[in-house]
């Protein structure tokens, strides 16, 4: 049996993560003088409510003490495990976890493990984790590890936002660009490439952004029809449902999961975030 660890950068329905008995290590969230832990001491809904009230949260990587605690517990169980980490280009958690795992492994040389940089975030990471966990049900640890390593860079992420305000607060766009974009209802479409968040297009209007997402998805039709995709939202379920309907009118996925996005991405994009993760053809 293969055990799994991920972090709160993975956005997927909690009941599915629980069904696979996946351990989740939280990112930290700083709001003013207060410190929270993503999904533990602050919920996504609370995070977005605070942002609407003017809060500008900052995030920090999973704490060293938490990583040591979780890894040591898994080593002591004696069962092989994988940590499927948030992109190393967006957080230092992967590098820290790799170092700590190597140190702990010296005490438990007979327990197979791997720390894998998924190069994903949000629903892309959630999709990665669920797919690998499903694969592990009928495969060995080594087969599962190989499958996970081969899956890196095989997921497309598409992000858009309801307002440029929060990207401006985080320094992702300039104040002038946010002002002009707001006046013209121009919104960005972003993706993740080799683990980095990359702007792809600027599109005018919410509906056009959603239609453009569906157009982008045509590139991966063989991996969408009959397969799972995940839509995440920043406390904007209505927009997520609208996107799901557009996708189901164009494609035939096995399921379209909808989940609220946590702090790892939501802190920087704000309420109104819309993000989708789907597999790319090999």
Foldseek 3Di string as FASTA:
>chain_A
DEAEEEEQQEFFPPVLCVVLVYHYFFKWKDWPPDIDTWPPRADLVRLQVVVVVPTQMDIAGGDLVSLLVVLLVVLVVQEEYEYEYAACVQHVNLVSSVVSNVVSCVVRVNHHYYYDRQLDGYNQSNVLVSVLSVVCVPDDPVVSVVVSNVQRQFKKKKKKFQACVLLCSVVVDPPVCRVVCVVQQWIWIWIGGSSRIGTDDIDHDDVVVLVVVLVVCVQAQVQAAAAEKEKEFSPCVVSVVVSVVVNVVPHHGPDYGYGYRMCSPCSRRHHGMIMMMTGHDD
